[in-house]
């Protein structure tokens, strides 16, 4: 972790992506629960999956996301 950002790796099939988690309660819970395995779902051009430790998204909820954002 450096500059308040936690670096993670996401592997989907044969693709590996580097990502960053900001520092907040939701990211802390996700980071503490890694490695996560989940079934991937799609909605239009979005990919999503459920992470069991995420219970309350109000802290970080937004509809403003850009291509490449983790939300």
C-alpha atoms as a PDB file:
ATOM      1  CA  UNK A   1       0.000   0.000   0.000  1.00  0.00           C
ATOM      2  CA  UNK A   2       1.309   3.456  -0.900  1.00  0.00           C
ATOM      3  CA  UNK A   3      -0.267   6.921  -1.067  1.00  0.00           C
ATOM      4  CA  UNK A   4      -3.534   5.626   0.416  1.00  0.00           C
ATOM      5  CA  UNK A   5      -4.137   3.105  -2.379  1.00  0.00           C
ATOM      6  CA  UNK A   6      -4.093  -0.687  -2.163  1.00  0.00           C
ATOM      7  CA  UNK A   7      -3.030  -2.481  -5.316  1.00  0.00           C
ATOM      8  CA  UNK A   8      -4.788  -5.746  -6.222  1.00  0.00           C
ATOM      9  CA  UNK A   9      -4.849  -8.152  -9.159  1.00  0.00           C
ATOM     10  CA  UNK A  10      -8.051  -9.419 -10.764  1.00  0.00           C
ATOM     11  CA  UNK A  11      -7.863 -12.634 -12.805  1.00  0.00           C
ATOM     12  CA  UNK A  12     -10.715 -13.501 -15.178  1.00  0.00           C
ATOM     13  CA  UNK A  13     -10.125 -16.550 -17.340  1.00  0.00           C
ATOM     14  CA  UNK A  14      -6.743 -15.996 -18.961  1.00  0.00           C
ATOM     15  CA  UNK A  15      -6.845 -12.203 -18.398  1.00  0.00           C
ATOM     16  CA  UNK A  16      -5.074 -10.530 -15.486  1.00  0.00           C
ATOM     17  CA  UNK A  17      -5.857  -6.918 -14.548  1.00  0.00           C
ATOM     18  CA  UNK A  18      -4.138  -4.652 -12.050  1.00  0.00           C
ATOM     19  CA  UNK A  19      -6.462  -2.477  -9.988  1.00  0.00           C
ATOM     20  CA  UNK A  20      -6.429  -0.096  -7.048  1.00  0.00           C
ATOM     21  CA  UNK A  21      -8.733   0.091  -4.036  1.00  0.00           C
ATOM     22  CA  UNK A  22      -9.197   3.413  -2.287  1.00  0.00           C
ATOM     23  CA  UNK A  23      -9.057   3.504   1.485  1.00  0.00           C
ATOM     24  CA  UNK A  24     -12.552   3.254   2.992  1.00  0.00           C
ATOM     25  CA  UNK A  25     -14.537   0.731   5.045  1.00  0.00           C
ATOM     26  CA  UNK A  26     -15.820  -1.167   1.999  1.00  0.00           C
ATOM     27  CA  UNK A  27     -12.356  -1.457   0.441  1.00  0.00           C
ATOM     28  CA  UNK A  28     -10.901  -2.481   3.812  1.00  0.00           C
ATOM     29  CA  UNK A  29     -13.428  -5.345   4.080  1.00  0.00           C
ATOM     30  CA  UNK A  30     -12.743  -6.510   0.520  1.00  0.00           C
ATOM     31  CA  UNK A  31      -8.955  -6.311   0.958  1.00  0.00           C
ATOM     32  CA  UNK A  32      -9.110  -8.258   4.230  1.00  0.00           C
ATOM     33  CA  UNK A  33     -11.155 -11.023   2.530  1.00  0.00           C
ATOM     34  CA  UNK A  34      -8.859 -11.557  -0.499  1.00  0.00           C
ATOM     35  CA  UNK A  35      -8.566 -13.848  -2.421  1.00  0.00           C
ATOM     36  CA  UNK A  36     -12.172 -13.782  -3.615  1.00  0.00           C
ATOM     37  CA  UNK A  37     -13.567 -16.281  -6.093  1.00  0.00           C
ATOM     38  CA  UNK A  38     -16.948 -15.545  -7.658  1.00  0.00           C
ATOM     39  CA  UNK A  39     -19.111 -16.249 -10.678  1.00  0.00           C
ATOM     40  CA  UNK A  40     -18.969 -13.368 -13.151  1.00  0.00           C
ATOM     41  CA  UNK A  41     -22.217 -11.823 -14.401  1.00  0.00           C
ATOM     42  CA  UNK A  42     -22.720  -9.295 -17.169  1.00  0.00           C
ATOM     43  CA  UNK A  43     -25.172  -6.447 -17.679  1.00  0.00           C
ATOM     44  CA  UNK A  44     -24.677  -4.664 -20.986  1.00  0.00           C
ATOM     45  CA  UNK A  45     -20.996  -3.737 -21.032  1.00  0.00           C
ATOM     46  CA  UNK A  46     -20.616  -4.129 -17.249  1.00  0.00           C
ATOM     47  CA  UNK A  47     -19.202  -7.133 -15.427  1.00  0.00           C
ATOM     48  CA  UNK A  48     -20.196  -7.764 -11.847  1.00  0.00           C
ATOM     49  CA  UNK A  49     -20.077 -10.290  -9.036  1.00  0.00           C
ATOM     50  CA  UNK A  50     -21.095 -10.414  -5.402  1.00  0.00           C
ATOM     51  CA  UNK A  51     -18.500 -10.144  -2.653  1.00  0.00           C
ATOM     52  CA  UNK A  52     -19.995 -11.577   0.562  1.00  0.00           C
ATOM     53  CA  UNK A  53     -18.176  -9.184   2.943  1.00  0.00           C
ATOM     54  CA  UNK A  54     -19.746  -6.104   1.313  1.00  0.00           C
ATOM     55  CA  UNK A  55     -22.880  -5.449   3.365  1.00  0.00           C
ATOM     56  CA  UNK A  56     -23.514  -1.700   3.201  1.00  0.00           C
ATOM     57  CA  UNK A  57     -22.587   0.267   0.103  1.00  0.00           C
ATOM     58  CA  UNK A  58     -23.917   3.648   1.285  1.00  0.00           C
ATOM     59  CA  UNK A  59     -20.414   4.874   2.145  1.00  0.00           C
ATOM     60  CA  UNK A  60     -19.267   4.640  -1.473  1.00  0.00           C
ATOM     61  CA  UNK A  61     -22.509   4.449  -3.479  1.00  0.00           C
ATOM     62  CA  UNK A  62     -22.499   6.405  -6.734  1.00  0.00           C
ATOM     63  CA  UNK A  63     -23.920   6.303 -10.229  1.00  0.00           C
ATOM     64  CA  UNK A  64     -20.908   8.218 -11.571  1.00  0.00           C
ATOM     65  CA  UNK A  65     -18.497   5.612 -12.914  1.00  0.00           C
ATOM     66  CA  UNK A  66     -16.032   5.707 -15.793  1.00  0.00           C
ATOM     67  CA  UNK A  67     -14.763   2.943 -18.044  1.00  0.00           C
ATOM     68  CA  UNK A  68     -12.271   0.950 -15.987  1.00  0.00           C
ATOM     69  CA  UNK A  69     -13.686   1.920 -12.584  1.00  0.00           C
ATOM     70  CA  UNK A  70     -14.238  -0.721  -9.914  1.00  0.00           C
ATOM     71  CA  UNK A  71     -17.515  -0.020  -8.215  1.00  0.00           C
END
